[in-house]
Amino acid sequence: MRQVLRTDAAPTSPLYSQGVRVGSQIRVSGLVGVDVTSGRLAGPSIQEQTRQALTSCRAVLSAGGASLDDVVEVGVLLADPDDFAGMNEDMPRGSPSIRRAVTWPSSARSSRASWCRSA
């Protein structure tokens, strides 16, 4: 059974769902560092946008009954490969089960990164 996840605590798009639960798996995608209250990027740096994207991701995962502790894979589309180190600074610590896949360039608005997660 497929369940579309939605929360007001993360940015929305008319083009895709914030998250989808299929069986015991949750897919979250298209999360960029947009502050849901202002509708603007959380800041110009990759660190600020990473923190905001993770906050949004936590909210979508929570809407599906999961948390970052359940994440097994992360895919990030970076606009600039030089942002990799800065993005890594704000990734969750102590989660060795999370595999990261990074690709560039990103077509995601003017944000520095776009996030998707599997839980």
Protein backbone atom coordinates (compact mmCIF):
# COMPACT_ATOMS: atom_id res chain seq x y z
CA MET A 1 0.00 0.00 0.00
CA ARG A 2 1.27 3.47 -0.90
CA GLN A 3 0.84 6.34 1.57
CA VAL A 4 1.72 9.92 0.62
CA LEU A 5 3.33 11.77 3.55
CA ARG A 6 2.69 15.45 4.17
CA THR A 7 3.64 17.89 6.90
CA ASP A 8 3.38 21.66 7.29
CA ALA A 9 6.84 21.59 8.91
CA ALA A 10 8.61 21.09 5.53
CA PRO A 11 8.45 22.93 2.19
CA THR A 12 5.90 21.66 -0.33
CA SER A 13 5.83 21.49 -4.10
CA PRO A 14 3.02 20.92 -6.56
CA LEU A 15 5.44 18.74 -8.55
CA TYR A 16 6.19 15.97 -6.04
CA SER A 17 5.27 14.54 -2.65
CA GLN A 18 7.36 15.39 0.40
CA GLY A 19 7.54 11.71 1.15
CA VAL A 20 5.97 8.38 0.29
CA ARG A 21 5.67 5.26 2.44
CA VAL A 22 5.48 1.94 0.63
CA GLY A 23 5.34 -0.97 3.04
CA SER A 24 8.09 -0.47 5.60
CA GLN A 25 10.11 1.95 3.42
CA ILE A 26 9.86 5.73 3.27
CA ARG A 27 11.22 7.77 0.36
CA VAL A 28 11.80 11.48 0.92
CA SER A 29 12.99 13.68 -1.92
CA GLY A 30 13.32 17.20 -3.23
CA LEU A 31 14.19 18.76 0.11
CA VAL A 32 16.30 21.86 -0.24
CA GLY A 33 17.38 24.30 2.46
CA VAL A 34 14.20 26.39 2.33
CA ASP A 35 12.85 27.78 5.59
CA VAL A 36 9.17 26.79 5.63
CA THR A 37 8.12 29.92 7.54
CA SER A 38 9.73 32.43 5.17
CA GLY A 39 9.73 30.42 1.94
CA ARG A 40 13.33 31.51 1.39
CA LEU A 41 16.65 29.71 1.53
CA ALA A 42 17.84 29.34 5.11
CA GLY A 43 21.04 31.20 4.21
CA PRO A 44 23.69 31.44 1.53
CA SER A 45 26.04 28.79 2.93
CA ILE A 46 25.87 25.06 2.37
CA GLN A 47 25.99 24.55 6.14
CA GLU A 48 22.86 26.67 6.74
CA GLN A 49 21.01 24.99 3.88
CA THR A 50 22.10 21.53 5.04
CA ARG A 51 20.81 22.18 8.57
CA GLN A 52 17.46 23.36 7.19
CA ALA A 53 17.16 20.44 4.77
CA LEU A 54 17.82 18.04 7.67
CA THR A 55 15.17 19.80 9.78
CA SER A 56 12.67 19.39 6.94
CA CYS A 57 13.72 15.78 6.45
CA ARG A 58 13.18 15.01 10.13
CA ALA A 59 9.66 16.46 9.85
CA VAL A 60 8.74 14.35 6.80
CA LEU A 61 10.24 11.20 8.32
CA SER A 62 8.31 11.88 11.53
CA ALA A 63 5.08 12.20 9.52
CA GLY A 64 5.76 8.64 8.39
CA GLY A 65 6.64 7.33 11.83
CA ALA A 66 10.42 7.28 11.27
CA SER A 67 13.49 9.29 12.28
CA LEU A 68 17.01 9.97 11.04
CA ASP A 69 18.07 6.87 13.00
CA ASP A 70 16.09 4.81 10.46
CA VAL A 71 17.84 6.29 7.41
CA VAL A 72 20.01 3.87 5.44
CA GLU A 73 20.90 5.96 2.38
CA VAL A 74 21.16 9.66 1.50
CA GLY A 75 21.43 11.15 -1.97
CA VAL A 76 22.50 14.77 -2.32
CA LEU A 77 22.62 16.83 -5.51
CA LEU A 78 25.25 19.53 -5.01
CA ALA A 79 25.34 22.63 -7.22
CA ASP A 80 29.08 22.94 -6.57
CA PRO A 81 31.41 20.02 -5.75
CA ASP A 82 33.46 22.39 -3.56
CA ASP A 83 30.51 22.40 -1.12
CA PHE A 84 31.01 18.72 -0.25
CA ALA A 85 33.15 19.37 2.85
CA GLY A 86 30.77 22.05 4.16
CA MET A 87 27.76 19.80 3.61
CA ASN A 88 29.50 16.98 5.46
CA GLU A 89 30.10 19.27 8.47
CA ASP A 90 26.39 19.29 9.19
CA MET A 91 25.48 15.72 8.37
CA PRO A 92 24.29 13.73 11.40
CA ARG A 93 27.18 12.42 13.45
CA GLY A 94 27.38 8.86 14.71
CA SER A 95 25.25 7.30 12.00
CA PRO A 96 27.61 4.82 10.33
CA SER A 97 24.69 3.03 8.66
CA ILE A 98 23.96 6.07 6.48
CA ARG A 99 25.51 5.85 3.03
CA ARG A 100 25.83 9.10 1.11
CA ALA A 101 25.62 9.42 -2.64
CA VAL A 102 26.59 12.84 -3.98
CA THR A 103 26.04 14.08 -7.52
CA TRP A 104 26.48 17.47 -9.21
CA PRO A 105 25.39 19.74 -10.85
CA SER A 106 22.02 20.40 -9.26
CA SER A 107 19.06 21.85 -11.07
CA ALA A 108 17.34 22.61 -7.76
CA ARG A 109 16.35 26.28 -7.86
CA SER A 110 19.18 28.47 -6.66
CA SER A 111 19.80 26.28 -3.64
CA ARG A 112 23.22 24.79 -3.08
CA ALA A 113 21.89 21.25 -2.47
CA SER A 114 18.84 19.05 -2.91
CA TRP A 115 18.23 16.08 -0.59
CA CYS A 116 16.56 12.73 -0.76
CA ARG A 117 16.52 10.03 1.87
CA SER A 118 15.47 6.42 2.25
CA ALA A 119 14.29 5.02 5.55
